[in-house]
């Protein structure tokens, strides 16, 4: 799976909108580490949780 994210991208999780806006910290294979406004750092498995990029 090719992910369309890079470190520094702003994202949100439609299934968990209460997490707030997050910033991609790192991407290793299918694991994306995101620092969210309301819940802090989360490791997201791209196979399990969908993220959407916020275009500035």
C-alpha atoms as a PDB file:
ATOM      1  CA  UNK A   1       0.000   0.000   0.000  1.00  0.00           C
ATOM      2  CA  UNK A   2       1.360   3.409  -0.962  1.00  0.00           C
ATOM      3  CA  UNK A   3       0.445   6.118   1.518  1.00  0.00           C
ATOM      4  CA  UNK A   4      -0.144   9.672   0.405  1.00  0.00           C
ATOM      5  CA  UNK A   5       1.319  11.224   3.551  1.00  0.00           C
ATOM      6  CA  UNK A   6       4.618  12.820   4.489  1.00  0.00           C
ATOM      7  CA  UNK A   7       5.912  13.997   7.858  1.00  0.00           C
ATOM      8  CA  UNK A   8       4.481  17.431   8.570  1.00  0.00           C
ATOM      9  CA  UNK A   9       1.165  16.817   6.778  1.00  0.00           C
ATOM     10  CA  UNK A  10      -1.974  17.867   8.647  1.00  0.00           C
ATOM     11  CA  UNK A  11      -4.579  15.094   8.903  1.00  0.00           C
ATOM     12  CA  UNK A  12      -7.779  14.134  10.673  1.00  0.00           C
ATOM     13  CA  UNK A  13      -9.476  10.843  11.421  1.00  0.00           C
ATOM     14  CA  UNK A  14     -13.125  10.856  10.263  1.00  0.00           C
ATOM     15  CA  UNK A  15     -13.981   7.993  12.646  1.00  0.00           C
ATOM     16  CA  UNK A  16     -12.505   9.882  15.644  1.00  0.00           C
ATOM     17  CA  UNK A  17     -13.194  13.566  14.990  1.00  0.00           C
ATOM     18  CA  UNK A  18     -12.858  14.331  18.698  1.00  0.00           C
ATOM     19  CA  UNK A  19      -9.096  13.659  18.365  1.00  0.00           C
ATOM     20  CA  UNK A  20      -8.825  16.980  16.517  1.00  0.00           C
ATOM     21  CA  UNK A  21      -6.345  17.856  13.804  1.00  0.00           C
ATOM     22  CA  UNK A  22      -3.113  15.906  13.794  1.00  0.00           C
ATOM     23  CA  UNK A  23       0.326  16.317  12.289  1.00  0.00           C
ATOM     24  CA  UNK A  24       2.136  13.330  10.800  1.00  0.00           C
ATOM     25  CA  UNK A  25       5.367  12.724  12.725  1.00  0.00           C
ATOM     26  CA  UNK A  26       6.723   9.605  10.996  1.00  0.00           C
ATOM     27  CA  UNK A  27       5.784   6.815   8.606  1.00  0.00           C
ATOM     28  CA  UNK A  28       7.283   3.338   8.864  1.00  0.00           C
ATOM     29  CA  UNK A  29       5.700   0.811   6.491  1.00  0.00           C
ATOM     30  CA  UNK A  30       1.970   0.813   7.355  1.00  0.00           C
ATOM     31  CA  UNK A  31       2.421   2.575  10.728  1.00  0.00           C
ATOM     32  CA  UNK A  32       1.879   6.326  10.847  1.00  0.00           C
ATOM     33  CA  UNK A  33       2.676   8.261  14.017  1.00  0.00           C
ATOM     34  CA  UNK A  34       0.433  11.302  14.358  1.00  0.00           C
ATOM     35  CA  UNK A  35       0.394  13.961  17.076  1.00  0.00           C
ATOM     36  CA  UNK A  36      -3.266  14.987  17.559  1.00  0.00           C
ATOM     37  CA  UNK A  37      -4.473  18.216  19.224  1.00  0.00           C
ATOM     38  CA  UNK A  38      -6.771  16.588  21.764  1.00  0.00           C
ATOM     39  CA  UNK A  39      -5.277  13.148  22.458  1.00  0.00           C
ATOM     40  CA  UNK A  40      -1.562  13.498  21.816  1.00  0.00           C
ATOM     41  CA  UNK A  41       0.544  10.994  19.930  1.00  0.00           C
ATOM     42  CA  UNK A  42      -1.121   7.980  18.295  1.00  0.00           C
ATOM     43  CA  UNK A  43       0.348   5.185  16.191  1.00  0.00           C
ATOM     44  CA  UNK A  44      -2.098   4.542  13.369  1.00  0.00           C
ATOM     45  CA  UNK A  45      -2.109   1.334  11.352  1.00  0.00           C
ATOM     46  CA  UNK A  46      -3.196   2.390   7.882  1.00  0.00           C
ATOM     47  CA  UNK A  47      -4.956  -0.957   7.354  1.00  0.00           C
ATOM     48  CA  UNK A  48      -7.235  -0.325  10.369  1.00  0.00           C
ATOM     49  CA  UNK A  49      -7.837   3.423  10.634  1.00  0.00           C
ATOM     50  CA  UNK A  50      -8.472   5.856   7.815  1.00  0.00           C
ATOM     51  CA  UNK A  51      -6.789   9.252   7.817  1.00  0.00           C
ATOM     52  CA  UNK A  52      -7.620  12.148   5.541  1.00  0.00           C
ATOM     53  CA  UNK A  53      -5.144  14.867   4.587  1.00  0.00           C
ATOM     54  CA  UNK A  54      -6.099  18.475   5.206  1.00  0.00           C
ATOM     55  CA  UNK A  55      -5.113  20.647   2.270  1.00  0.00           C
ATOM     56  CA  UNK A  56      -4.000  24.119   3.314  1.00  0.00           C
END
